[in-house]
């Protein structure tokens, strides 16, 4: 295939680099070089090489019967129905793939002569080529054949070779499969990967935008279960012979421009070891205050407190609610040459240039409390502690704030007032809490609507009215007539309807009145009521604001309405 027209404005050195890239990475690289969206670069390519570009396509029935799975994966192409011949060339068996002597194929990169020969040799048909969106083609292959199906293709593992070579080939196949699972997770923006052995299968699930999603895997995966688990344990330098006890470890993994710090945890189950991987991208771009989802009013409150020379700022919420991401955004906001900032984290999730970051190592006695003691001898202005887990850490943090340091940390509580009562439960003196804590930020993450496919919800007034009441939102004419949207699903969001997440917040400033309530050990409910009277916006109010702005659905926000209701009852 002549690509000279496509390469006309690319220098020879970059062309050599493109030639060395895998087929599925070439198009994205060219788009970056040309500073074009991938779709525009693809359109330019189609015009240059005179191959039709398809916006959409339909997979032929039983594609693996028409083309070996190995070739589908290797060449990143799939047999499709040829719409140009569908109506006039259907054969007696009902196939609608064009002429009997041709097979319609969509690919993400122009074919070469070798591809034509291999495809003709394998299926006896001449390929008729189309170009398609690389992401859609990759997703189609994964959905129909499973992640890493080519790596575990038994035809490639069972060859006329020596026993030693066969073992080496099998090991290489397992390594490729595990790498592909991790690569796929990174591309899908997953935060966790779960390998879960069942009675008759090995299930693999990704956590994407807070939701667990099962991924398609090869049908023969159960045969390689032990080898896959052993490979993961070897990567983490764990004991592969120990299968009765849980083990923890870490893996350093490179995926393109991403550098992953992977936390691995093994756990014995009835049908084998379950393995969970937490993916921490060391090159993730930290979010700004705006990107977090804070309102203008909340931003101003935070900026005022962050400019203070001392005090404690607490970020609360359950695991996975984005607390570390928020703390990093706060640190970036106040990161200036005249301020010495030291962080103690477990693990270090975001690298922030210009600050001193350290990681705890409990196995050698370097806990949060011990690290915090040492940090105080380093002449810091601002200290960020990843989490307050015990009384000792809380006590040191509070005393650090009272001696002229700004301290930022996190707590696991459901809402902002709950952080105050939690500290009291840790046997911290109320007057110390009241004197040191300046601001508490409670947060959750809700999924953002996909901008490509969000549709007006058109709910009945009665349903919307009930939702507003449950969220403690005023049932006004304005709110009832607010245009809101629902998730539908498209190729851009893997037919889920959501893409990405955004935070909902409540910010509790410790005023004089709340100061007195803390000293008197008032209930979280009483403190919440005072804070609301003083202008605090609740989690559900923050969520409703995102609903009105078309960023999320009312059902996403409703998850947290129950939390507030339950807390009020229990209080």
Protein backbone atom coordinates (compact mmCIF):
# COMPACT_ATOMS: atom_id res chain seq x y z
CA UNK A 1 0.00 0.00 0.00
CA UNK A 2 1.43 3.36 -1.03
CA UNK A 3 1.47 5.70 1.97
CA UNK A 4 3.55 8.47 0.40
CA UNK A 5 0.57 10.85 0.24
CA UNK A 6 -0.14 10.28 3.93
CA UNK A 7 3.52 10.79 4.89
CA UNK A 8 4.02 13.88 2.72
CA UNK A 9 4.29 16.30 5.67
CA UNK A 10 6.12 13.91 8.06
CA UNK A 11 9.92 13.79 8.19
CA UNK A 12 11.82 10.58 7.48
CA UNK A 13 12.91 10.08 11.09
CA UNK A 14 9.31 10.06 12.31
CA UNK A 15 8.31 7.73 9.44
CA UNK A 16 10.94 5.25 10.65
CA UNK A 17 9.45 5.46 14.15
CA UNK A 18 5.95 4.82 12.78
CA UNK A 19 7.17 1.75 10.91
CA UNK A 20 8.45 0.26 14.19
CA UNK A 21 5.18 0.83 16.07
CA UNK A 22 2.52 -1.91 16.39
CA UNK A 23 -0.33 -1.62 13.90
CA UNK A 24 -2.81 -0.50 16.55
CA UNK A 25 -0.57 2.39 17.68
CA UNK A 26 0.38 3.87 14.29
CA UNK A 27 -2.77 5.89 13.64
CA UNK A 28 -2.78 7.58 17.05
CA UNK A 29 0.89 8.55 16.60
CA UNK A 30 0.21 10.10 13.20
CA UNK A 31 -2.75 12.03 14.62
CA UNK A 32 -0.46 13.46 17.32
CA UNK A 33 2.19 14.43 14.76
CA UNK A 34 -0.38 16.18 12.60
CA UNK A 35 -2.11 17.72 15.63
CA UNK A 36 -5.43 16.31 14.44
CA UNK A 37 -8.22 14.30 16.11
CA UNK A 38 -7.82 10.61 15.31
CA UNK A 39 -11.01 10.63 13.22
CA UNK A 40 -9.76 13.50 11.05
CA UNK A 41 -6.37 11.83 10.57
CA UNK A 42 -8.16 8.61 9.62
CA UNK A 43 -10.30 10.45 7.06
CA UNK A 44 -7.16 12.01 5.59
CA UNK A 45 -5.57 8.56 5.34
CA UNK A 46 -8.62 7.05 3.61
CA UNK A 47 -8.54 9.77 0.97
CA UNK A 48 -4.77 9.38 0.49
CA UNK A 49 -4.80 5.60 -0.04
CA UNK A 50 -8.22 5.36 -1.76
CA UNK A 51 -9.78 2.92 0.73
CA UNK A 52 -13.40 3.55 1.87
CA UNK A 53 -13.81 4.78 5.44
CA UNK A 54 -16.70 3.32 7.47
CA UNK A 55 -18.39 5.30 10.22
CA UNK A 56 -20.21 2.17 11.34
CA UNK A 57 -20.15 -1.51 10.48
CA UNK A 58 -21.87 -4.79 11.35
CA UNK A 59 -19.90 -7.89 12.19
CA UNK A 60 -20.59 -10.94 10.06
CA UNK A 61 -22.19 -13.95 11.80
CA UNK A 62 -19.60 -16.24 13.40
CA UNK A 63 -16.59 -14.19 12.26
CA UNK A 64 -14.10 -16.81 13.47
CA UNK A 65 -15.54 -19.27 10.92
CA UNK A 66 -14.58 -16.87 8.13
CA UNK A 67 -11.18 -15.83 9.45
CA UNK A 68 -8.90 -17.41 12.10
CA UNK A 69 -8.90 -15.57 15.45
CA UNK A 70 -5.11 -15.39 15.29
CA UNK A 71 -5.24 -13.28 12.09
CA UNK A 72 -8.07 -11.12 13.44
CA UNK A 73 -5.92 -10.17 16.43
CA UNK A 74 -2.61 -9.93 14.60
CA UNK A 75 -3.90 -7.74 11.77
CA UNK A 76 -6.57 -5.93 13.85
CA UNK A 77 -9.28 -6.59 11.29
CA UNK A 78 -12.75 -8.15 11.46
CA UNK A 79 -15.02 -9.69 8.81
CA UNK A 80 -18.04 -7.49 8.25
CA UNK A 81 -21.19 -7.41 6.23
CA UNK A 82 -20.48 -5.61 2.97
CA UNK A 83 -23.31 -3.11 2.74
CA UNK A 84 -22.50 -2.34 -0.91
CA UNK A 85 -23.46 -5.88 -1.87
CA UNK A 86 -25.77 -6.83 0.93
CA UNK A 87 -29.02 -6.55 -0.99
CA UNK A 88 -27.98 -7.81 -4.40
CA UNK A 89 -25.47 -10.51 -3.65
CA UNK A 90 -26.94 -12.59 -0.84
CA UNK A 91 -26.17 -16.24 -1.48
CA UNK A 92 -28.47 -19.15 -0.86
CA UNK A 93 -27.21 -19.58 2.69
CA UNK A 94 -28.17 -16.01 3.53
CA UNK A 95 -24.63 -14.67 3.77
CA UNK A 96 -24.42 -11.02 2.91
CA UNK A 97 -20.71 -10.47 2.79
CA UNK A 98 -20.47 -9.59 -0.88
CA UNK A 99 -19.20 -11.82 -3.73
CA UNK A 100 -18.50 -15.47 -2.97
CA UNK A 101 -14.85 -14.96 -3.88
CA UNK A 102 -14.31 -11.94 -1.58
CA UNK A 103 -14.48 -11.21 2.13
CA UNK A 104 -15.19 -7.68 3.44
CA UNK A 105 -12.76 -6.67 6.21
CA UNK A 106 -12.49 -3.48 8.24
CA UNK A 107 -9.09 -2.61 9.68
CA UNK A 108 -7.47 0.21 11.64
CA UNK A 109 -4.34 0.47 9.46
CA UNK A 110 -3.86 -0.02 5.69
CA UNK A 111 -3.17 -3.62 4.68
CA UNK A 112 -0.03 -4.78 2.91
CA UNK A 113 0.57 -7.52 0.34
CA UNK A 114 1.55 -10.05 3.00
CA UNK A 115 -1.80 -9.58 4.76
CA UNK A 116 -3.66 -10.19 1.50
CA UNK A 117 -1.73 -13.43 0.93
CA UNK A 118 -2.23 -14.78 4.45
CA UNK A 119 -5.94 -14.01 4.44
CA UNK A 120 -6.43 -15.62 1.03
CA UNK A 121 -4.45 -18.68 2.17
CA UNK A 122 -6.54 -19.06 5.35
CA UNK A 123 -10.05 -18.56 3.97
CA UNK A 124 -9.71 -18.90 0.17
CA UNK A 125 -11.22 -15.45 -0.41
CA UNK A 126 -9.75 -12.19 -1.64
CA UNK A 127 -10.03 -9.46 1.00
CA UNK A 128 -12.02 -6.33 0.27
CA UNK A 129 -10.67 -3.67 2.61
CA UNK A 130 -12.31 -0.85 4.53
CA UNK A 131 -10.88 1.50 7.16
CA UNK A 132 -12.58 2.06 10.49
CA UNK A 133 -12.17 3.86 13.81
CA UNK A 134 -9.27 2.19 15.68
CA UNK A 135 -10.94 2.33 19.09
CA UNK A 136 -14.18 0.84 17.79
CA UNK A 137 -12.37 -1.98 15.99
CA UNK A 138 -10.34 -2.82 19.10
CA UNK A 139 -13.48 -2.80 21.26
CA UNK A 140 -15.28 -5.03 18.75
CA UNK A 141 -12.44 -7.57 18.78
CA UNK A 142 -12.32 -7.58 22.57
CA UNK A 143 -16.10 -7.92 22.97
CA UNK A 144 -16.37 -10.86 20.57
CA UNK A 145 -13.16 -12.77 21.23
CA UNK A 146 -12.02 -11.61 24.66
CA UNK A 147 -8.94 -9.82 25.90
CA UNK A 148 -5.78 -11.68 24.90
CA UNK A 149 -7.58 -14.35 22.85
CA UNK A 150 -4.69 -14.41 20.39
CA UNK A 151 -2.15 -14.97 23.17
CA UNK A 152 -4.04 -18.04 24.42
CA UNK A 153 -4.97 -19.32 20.96
CA UNK A 154 -4.33 -23.04 21.37
CA UNK A 155 -3.39 -23.46 17.74
CA UNK A 156 -0.39 -21.24 18.38
CA UNK A 157 0.59 -23.18 21.50
CA UNK A 158 0.27 -26.68 20.07
CA UNK A 159 2.89 -27.01 17.41
CA UNK A 160 5.40 -29.63 16.33
CA UNK A 161 8.16 -28.46 18.67
CA UNK A 162 10.18 -29.94 21.49
CA UNK A 163 8.71 -30.12 24.99
CA UNK A 164 11.14 -27.45 26.21
CA UNK A 165 10.20 -25.07 23.40
CA UNK A 166 6.50 -25.74 24.01
CA UNK A 167 6.89 -24.72 27.66
CA UNK A 168 8.69 -21.52 26.61
CA UNK A 169 5.92 -20.70 24.11
CA UNK A 170 3.25 -21.28 26.74
CA UNK A 171 5.07 -19.04 29.24
CA UNK A 172 5.41 -16.31 26.62
CA UNK A 173 1.70 -16.61 25.83
CA UNK A 174 0.77 -16.15 29.51
CA UNK A 175 3.04 -13.12 29.78
CA UNK A 176 1.45 -11.57 26.69
CA UNK A 177 -2.04 -12.27 28.03
CA UNK A 178 -1.40 -10.66 31.43
CA UNK A 179 0.18 -7.63 29.74
CA UNK A 180 -2.79 -7.28 27.39
CA UNK A 181 -5.24 -7.38 30.31
CA UNK A 182 -3.34 -4.55 32.02
CA UNK A 183 -2.97 -2.54 28.77
CA UNK A 184 -6.70 -2.86 28.16
CA UNK A 185 -7.46 -1.72 31.72
CA UNK A 186 -5.28 1.37 31.29
CA UNK A 187 -6.93 2.25 27.97
CA UNK A 188 -10.39 1.85 29.54
CA UNK A 189 -9.41 4.13 32.48
CA UNK A 190 -9.86 1.31 35.00
CA UNK A 191 -8.67 1.80 38.58
CA UNK A 192 -8.80 -1.87 39.60
CA UNK A 193 -8.53 -5.31 37.98
CA UNK A 194 -10.01 -8.39 39.65
CA UNK A 195 -9.09 -11.98 38.72
CA UNK A 196 -11.83 -14.10 40.31
CA UNK A 197 -11.80 -17.93 40.05
CA UNK A 198 -15.23 -19.50 39.81
CA UNK A 199 -16.27 -23.14 39.60
CA UNK A 200 -15.94 -23.44 35.82
CA UNK A 201 -14.27 -20.21 34.75
CA UNK A 202 -11.86 -17.43 35.59
CA UNK A 203 -13.72 -14.12 35.71
CA UNK A 204 -11.90 -10.84 35.05
CA UNK A 205 -13.54 -7.55 35.98
CA UNK A 206 -12.46 -3.91 35.70
CA UNK A 207 -13.61 -1.10 37.98
CA UNK A 208 -14.30 1.83 35.68
CA UNK A 209 -15.79 5.08 36.98
CA UNK A 210 -16.54 3.31 40.25
CA UNK A 211 -18.53 0.47 38.64
CA UNK A 212 -17.45 -3.15 38.19
CA UNK A 213 -17.58 -4.27 34.55
CA UNK A 214 -16.97 -7.85 33.40
CA UNK A 215 -14.75 -8.16 30.37
CA UNK A 216 -14.98 -10.80 27.68
CA UNK A 217 -12.25 -13.41 28.06
CA UNK A 218 -11.25 -16.44 25.92
CA UNK A 219 -13.43 -19.50 26.43
CA UNK A 220 -10.40 -21.61 27.32
CA UNK A 221 -9.12 -19.24 30.02
CA UNK A 222 -9.85 -21.65 32.90
CA UNK A 223 -7.09 -23.95 31.55
CA UNK A 224 -4.51 -21.24 32.18
CA UNK A 225 -5.82 -20.05 35.56
CA UNK A 226 -2.91 -21.32 37.67
CA UNK A 227 -0.33 -20.03 35.18
CA UNK A 228 -1.94 -16.54 35.08
CA UNK A 229 -2.05 -16.28 38.87
CA UNK A 230 1.55 -17.49 39.14
CA UNK A 231 2.64 -14.91 36.57
CA UNK A 232 1.05 -12.09 38.57
CA UNK A 233 2.67 -13.32 41.79
CA UNK A 234 6.08 -13.54 40.08
CA UNK A 235 5.67 -9.94 38.81
CA UNK A 236 5.02 -8.83 42.40
CA UNK A 237 7.85 -11.00 43.82
CA UNK A 238 5.41 -13.00 45.95
CA UNK A 239 5.73 -16.62 47.07
CA UNK A 240 4.08 -18.65 44.28
CA UNK A 241 3.95 -21.81 46.40
CA UNK A 242 1.98 -20.12 49.20
CA UNK A 243 -1.69 -20.47 48.28
CA UNK A 244 -3.33 -20.72 51.71
CA UNK A 245 -2.56 -17.24 53.06
CA UNK A 246 -3.26 -13.76 51.64
CA UNK A 247 -0.24 -11.90 50.28
CA UNK A 248 0.36 -8.27 49.35
CA UNK A 249 2.89 -6.83 46.95
CA UNK A 250 3.50 -4.28 44.25
CA UNK A 251 4.40 -4.22 40.56
CA UNK A 252 6.08 -1.48 38.56
CA UNK A 253 4.63 -1.58 35.06
CA UNK A 254 5.10 0.60 31.97
CA UNK A 255 2.27 1.05 29.48
CA UNK A 256 3.12 3.47 26.69
CA UNK A 257 3.46 6.88 28.32
CA UNK A 258 1.95 5.61 31.55
CA UNK A 259 4.05 4.39 34.46
CA UNK A 260 1.95 2.25 36.76
CA UNK A 261 2.50 1.45 40.39
CA UNK A 262 0.29 -1.62 40.80
CA UNK A 263 -0.73 -2.81 44.26
CA UNK A 264 -1.51 -6.52 44.28
CA UNK A 265 -3.45 -8.49 46.86
CA UNK A 266 -4.05 -12.25 46.81
CA UNK A 267 -6.84 -13.98 48.73
CA UNK A 268 -7.59 -17.74 48.89
CA UNK A 269 -11.09 -18.82 47.80
CA UNK A 270 -12.88 -22.13 47.22
CA UNK A 271 -11.75 -22.37 43.59
CA UNK A 272 -8.29 -20.85 43.78
CA UNK A 273 -6.63 -17.55 44.61
CA UNK A 274 -8.50 -14.35 43.89
CA UNK A 275 -6.18 -11.50 42.88
CA UNK A 276 -6.95 -7.77 42.96
CA UNK A 277 -4.80 -5.14 41.30
CA UNK A 278 -5.03 -1.42 42.14
CA UNK A 279 -3.64 0.68 39.26
CA UNK A 280 -1.91 3.92 40.23
CA UNK A 281 -0.74 5.93 37.25
CA UNK A 282 2.36 7.84 38.32
CA UNK A 283 2.00 10.22 35.37
CA UNK A 284 -1.69 11.01 35.90
CA UNK A 285 -2.43 14.66 35.50
CA UNK A 286 -3.65 16.10 38.82
CA UNK A 287 -6.97 17.91 38.59
CA UNK A 288 -7.50 21.62 39.13
CA UNK A 289 -10.07 22.99 41.58
CA UNK A 290 -12.54 23.58 38.72
CA UNK A 291 -12.14 20.06 37.38
CA UNK A 292 -12.92 18.59 40.79
CA UNK A 293 -16.50 19.91 40.59
CA UNK A 294 -16.42 22.59 43.32
CA UNK A 295 -18.77 25.56 43.10
CA UNK A 296 -17.42 29.11 43.01
CA UNK A 297 -18.53 29.65 46.62
CA UNK A 298 -16.79 26.48 47.80
CA UNK A 299 -13.64 27.45 45.90
CA UNK A 300 -13.52 30.79 47.69
CA UNK A 301 -13.94 29.11 51.09
CA UNK A 302 -11.13 26.67 50.34
CA UNK A 303 -8.79 29.34 48.99
CA UNK A 304 -9.31 31.43 52.13
CA UNK A 305 -8.54 28.53 54.49
CA UNK A 306 -5.63 27.27 52.38
CA UNK A 307 -4.01 30.70 52.58
CA UNK A 308 -4.02 30.47 56.39
CA UNK A 309 -0.62 29.74 58.03
CA UNK A 310 -2.04 27.15 60.42
CA UNK A 311 -5.03 24.91 61.11
CA UNK A 312 -6.35 21.56 59.87
CA UNK A 313 -8.28 20.84 56.69
CA UNK A 314 -9.93 17.41 56.59
CA UNK A 315 -11.30 15.68 53.49
CA UNK A 316 -13.77 12.90 54.32
CA UNK A 317 -15.54 10.18 52.43
CA UNK A 318 -15.50 6.40 51.90
CA UNK A 319 -12.76 4.53 50.04
CA UNK A 320 -12.64 5.49 46.37
CA UNK A 321 -14.40 8.84 46.77
CA UNK A 322 -11.50 10.89 45.41
CA UNK A 323 -10.05 12.23 48.66
CA UNK A 324 -6.40 11.89 47.56
CA UNK A 325 -7.18 13.57 44.25
CA UNK A 326 -8.74 16.54 46.06
CA UNK A 327 -5.83 16.86 48.49
CA UNK A 328 -3.40 16.92 45.56
CA UNK A 329 -5.43 19.70 43.90
CA UNK A 330 -5.32 21.70 47.16
CA UNK A 331 -1.56 21.20 47.44
CA UNK A 332 -1.02 22.34 43.85
CA UNK A 333 -3.01 25.50 44.55
CA UNK A 334 -0.74 26.56 47.45
CA UNK A 335 2.52 25.20 46.04
CA UNK A 336 4.82 28.24 45.92
CA UNK A 337 8.59 28.60 46.31
CA UNK A 338 8.24 30.39 49.65
CA UNK A 339 6.28 27.48 51.21
CA UNK A 340 7.93 24.22 52.24
CA UNK A 341 5.42 21.41 51.70
CA UNK A 342 5.98 17.83 52.85
CA UNK A 343 3.54 14.95 52.27
CA UNK A 344 3.28 11.52 53.89
CA UNK A 345 1.19 9.17 51.75
CA UNK A 346 0.27 5.51 51.28
CA UNK A 347 0.91 5.30 48.39
CA UNK A 348 2.10 8.42 46.55
CA UNK A 349 -0.62 8.64 43.88
CA UNK A 350 0.36 11.89 42.15
CA UNK A 351 3.79 13.41 41.74
CA UNK A 352 3.73 17.17 42.34
CA UNK A 353 6.89 19.03 41.28
CA UNK A 354 8.46 21.23 43.93
CA UNK A 355 7.23 19.42 47.05
CA UNK A 356 8.73 16.68 49.22
CA UNK A 357 6.71 13.46 49.05
CA UNK A 358 7.33 10.31 51.06
CA UNK A 359 5.61 6.97 51.41
CA UNK A 360 4.92 5.07 54.63
CA UNK A 361 6.40 1.61 55.17
CA UNK A 362 4.66 0.00 58.16
CA UNK A 363 6.72 -3.18 57.76
CA UNK A 364 9.82 -1.25 58.90
CA UNK A 365 8.01 0.87 61.47
CA UNK A 366 7.57 3.92 59.24
CA UNK A 367 3.91 4.58 60.00
CA UNK A 368 1.94 7.79 59.53
CA UNK A 369 2.56 8.75 63.15
CA UNK A 370 6.31 8.04 63.01
CA UNK A 371 6.66 9.84 59.68
CA UNK A 372 4.75 12.83 61.02
CA UNK A 373 7.10 13.12 64.00
CA UNK A 374 10.08 13.21 61.64
CA UNK A 375 8.40 15.68 59.29
CA UNK A 376 7.97 18.17 62.14
CA UNK A 377 11.76 18.30 62.44
CA UNK A 378 12.08 19.24 58.75
CA UNK A 379 10.88 22.85 59.15
CA UNK A 380 7.68 22.44 57.08
CA UNK A 381 5.08 25.12 56.44
CA UNK A 382 2.44 22.71 55.11
CA UNK A 383 2.06 19.03 55.98
CA UNK A 384 -0.17 16.64 54.10
CA UNK A 385 -0.92 13.32 55.83
CA UNK A 386 -2.56 10.72 53.62
CA UNK A 387 -4.96 9.46 56.29
CA UNK A 388 -5.64 9.81 60.01
CA UNK A 389 -6.04 6.18 61.06
CA UNK A 390 -5.45 6.29 64.81
CA UNK A 391 -5.38 8.49 67.88
CA UNK A 392 -1.59 8.95 67.75
CA UNK A 393 -1.65 10.37 64.20
CA UNK A 394 -4.63 12.59 64.99
CA UNK A 395 -2.97 13.91 68.16
CA UNK A 396 0.31 14.75 66.41
CA UNK A 397 -1.51 16.39 63.49
CA UNK A 398 -3.61 18.58 65.79
CA UNK A 399 -0.62 19.65 67.86
CA UNK A 400 1.29 20.42 64.65
CA UNK A 401 -1.54 22.74 63.55
CA UNK A 402 -1.53 24.47 66.93
CA UNK A 403 2.21 25.14 66.63
CA UNK A 404 1.91 27.06 63.39
CA UNK A 405 1.58 24.47 60.61
CA UNK A 406 -1.14 24.01 57.99
CA UNK A 407 -2.13 20.33 58.07
CA UNK A 408 -4.19 18.54 55.40
CA UNK A 409 -5.46 15.00 55.86
CA UNK A 410 -8.35 12.57 55.27
CA UNK A 411 -10.82 10.66 57.39
CA UNK A 412 -13.28 7.87 56.58
CA UNK A 413 -16.66 9.36 57.53
CA UNK A 414 -19.95 9.66 55.67
CA UNK A 415 -20.29 13.43 55.94
CA UNK A 416 -18.52 16.57 57.17
CA UNK A 417 -20.02 16.79 60.71
CA UNK A 418 -19.21 13.11 61.22
CA UNK A 419 -15.48 13.94 61.07
CA UNK A 420 -15.76 15.98 64.28
CA UNK A 421 -17.52 13.23 66.21
CA UNK A 422 -15.04 10.69 64.81
CA UNK A 423 -12.10 12.67 66.27
CA UNK A 424 -13.89 12.83 69.63
CA UNK A 425 -14.34 9.03 69.44
CA UNK A 426 -10.54 8.80 69.05
CA UNK A 427 -10.28 10.38 72.52
CA UNK A 428 -9.05 13.73 71.19
CA UNK A 429 -10.02 16.53 73.56
CA UNK A 430 -12.96 18.52 72.08
CA UNK A 431 -11.31 21.88 72.83
CA UNK A 432 -8.24 20.79 70.81
CA UNK A 433 -10.46 19.79 67.88
CA UNK A 434 -12.39 23.06 68.02
CA UNK A 435 -9.17 25.09 68.17
CA UNK A 436 -7.39 23.35 65.31
CA UNK A 437 -9.91 22.20 62.68
CA UNK A 438 -10.73 25.01 60.24
CA UNK A 439 -12.55 23.25 57.42
CA UNK A 440 -14.02 19.83 56.65
CA UNK A 441 -14.78 18.81 53.07
CA UNK A 442 -16.97 15.74 52.55
CA UNK A 443 -17.13 14.35 49.05
CA UNK A 444 -18.37 11.60 46.76
CA UNK A 445 -17.83 10.82 43.10
CA UNK A 446 -20.72 10.58 40.66
CA UNK A 447 -20.47 9.41 37.07
CA UNK A 448 -20.56 12.06 34.37
CA UNK A 449 -22.97 11.76 31.47
CA UNK A 450 -21.40 10.98 28.13
CA UNK A 451 -21.66 14.25 26.17
CA UNK A 452 -22.16 12.35 22.92
CA UNK A 453 -25.33 10.50 23.83
CA UNK A 454 -27.04 12.23 26.81
CA UNK A 455 -30.78 12.62 26.18
CA UNK A 456 -33.53 14.66 27.89
CA UNK A 457 -35.05 12.52 30.66
CA UNK A 458 -38.65 13.78 30.41
CA UNK A 459 -39.59 12.39 33.83
CA UNK A 460 -43.10 12.65 35.19
CA UNK A 461 -43.60 15.48 37.66
CA UNK A 462 -44.54 13.05 40.45
CA UNK A 463 -41.31 11.08 40.13
CA UNK A 464 -39.15 14.20 40.10
CA UNK A 465 -41.05 15.65 43.06
CA UNK A 466 -40.38 12.51 45.14
CA UNK A 467 -36.70 12.60 44.21
CA UNK A 468 -36.37 16.23 45.29
CA UNK A 469 -38.06 15.53 48.61
CA UNK A 470 -35.75 12.59 49.31
CA UNK A 471 -32.71 14.77 48.57
CA UNK A 472 -34.09 17.62 50.74
CA UNK A 473 -34.20 19.92 47.71
CA UNK A 474 -37.00 22.53 47.65
CA UNK A 475 -39.90 21.39 45.47
CA UNK A 476 -40.28 24.62 43.54
CA UNK A 477 -41.70 25.33 40.11
CA UNK A 478 -38.22 26.21 38.91
CA UNK A 479 -36.74 22.90 40.06
CA UNK A 480 -39.63 20.87 38.66
CA UNK A 481 -39.21 22.52 35.25
CA UNK A 482 -35.43 22.18 35.15
CA UNK A 483 -34.30 20.28 32.03
CA UNK A 484 -32.45 17.17 33.18
CA UNK A 485 -30.79 14.38 31.20
CA UNK A 486 -30.48 10.59 31.27
CA UNK A 487 -27.85 8.11 30.13
CA UNK A 488 -28.44 6.24 26.87
CA UNK A 489 -25.16 4.77 25.59
CA UNK A 490 -23.02 5.00 22.46
CA UNK A 491 -19.67 3.84 21.08
CA UNK A 492 -17.92 6.75 22.79
CA UNK A 493 -18.85 5.45 26.27
CA UNK A 494 -18.96 1.66 25.56
CA UNK A 495 -22.80 1.86 25.59
CA UNK A 496 -22.83 2.67 29.31
CA UNK A 497 -24.03 6.27 29.01
CA UNK A 498 -21.37 7.64 31.35
CA UNK A 499 -17.76 8.66 30.85
CA UNK A 500 -15.61 9.93 33.69
CA UNK A 501 -16.60 11.12 37.17
CA UNK A 502 -17.05 14.42 38.97
CA UNK A 503 -17.13 15.27 42.66
CA UNK A 504 -20.02 16.42 44.82
CA UNK A 505 -19.05 18.26 47.99
CA UNK A 506 -20.15 19.76 51.27
CA UNK A 507 -17.80 22.22 52.98
CA UNK A 508 -18.18 22.79 56.72
CA UNK A 509 -16.36 25.84 58.10
CA UNK A 510 -15.84 25.82 61.86
CA UNK A 511 -17.54 29.05 62.95
CA UNK A 512 -17.75 30.38 66.53
CA UNK A 513 -21.12 28.70 67.06
CA UNK A 514 -19.89 25.34 65.74
CA UNK A 515 -16.74 25.80 67.88
CA UNK A 516 -18.95 25.94 70.97
CA UNK A 517 -20.96 22.92 69.84
CA UNK A 518 -17.77 20.86 69.44
CA UNK A 519 -16.60 21.79 72.96
CA UNK A 520 -20.02 20.77 74.30
CA UNK A 521 -19.86 17.47 72.36
CA UNK A 522 -22.99 18.23 70.36
CA UNK A 523 -24.31 15.53 68.00
CA UNK A 524 -23.36 15.43 64.34
CA UNK A 525 -26.99 16.17 63.50
CA UNK A 526 -26.98 19.38 65.56
CA UNK A 527 -23.70 20.51 64.00
CA UNK A 528 -25.05 19.75 60.53
CA UNK A 529 -28.18 21.83 61.18
CA UNK A 530 -26.08 24.79 62.33
CA UNK A 531 -23.78 24.49 59.31
CA UNK A 532 -26.73 24.42 56.89
CA UNK A 533 -28.22 27.49 58.56
CA UNK A 534 -24.85 29.21 58.01
CA UNK A 535 -24.86 28.39 54.29
CA UNK A 536 -23.31 24.93 53.96
CA UNK A 537 -24.44 23.12 50.81
CA UNK A 538 -25.14 19.41 51.34
CA UNK A 539 -23.85 16.57 49.16
CA UNK A 540 -27.22 16.15 47.51
CA UNK A 541 -27.56 19.90 46.86
CA UNK A 542 -24.14 19.82 45.20
CA UNK A 543 -25.27 16.83 43.16
CA UNK A 544 -28.52 18.55 42.16
CA UNK A 545 -26.48 21.46 40.85
CA UNK A 546 -24.58 19.03 38.58
CA UNK A 547 -27.92 17.54 37.45
CA UNK A 548 -29.20 21.01 36.51
CA UNK A 549 -25.99 21.64 34.55
CA UNK A 550 -26.46 18.42 32.56
CA UNK A 551 -23.34 16.76 34.02
CA UNK A 552 -24.96 13.74 35.68
CA UNK A 553 -28.29 12.02 36.29
CA UNK A 554 -30.64 12.38 39.22
CA UNK A 555 -30.29 8.61 39.87
CA UNK A 556 -26.55 9.02 40.42
CA UNK A 557 -27.15 11.71 43.04
CA UNK A 558 -29.96 9.69 44.66
CA UNK A 559 -27.39 7.19 45.91
CA UNK A 560 -26.33 9.73 48.53
CA UNK A 561 -29.79 10.87 49.51
CA UNK A 562 -30.22 7.57 51.36
CA UNK A 563 -26.99 8.15 53.29
CA UNK A 564 -28.20 11.50 54.61
CA UNK A 565 -31.66 10.15 55.45
CA UNK A 566 -30.24 7.16 57.31
CA UNK A 567 -27.88 9.37 59.29
CA UNK A 568 -30.68 11.67 60.36
CA UNK A 569 -32.72 8.72 61.59
CA UNK A 570 -29.76 7.23 63.50
CA UNK A 571 -28.89 10.58 65.07
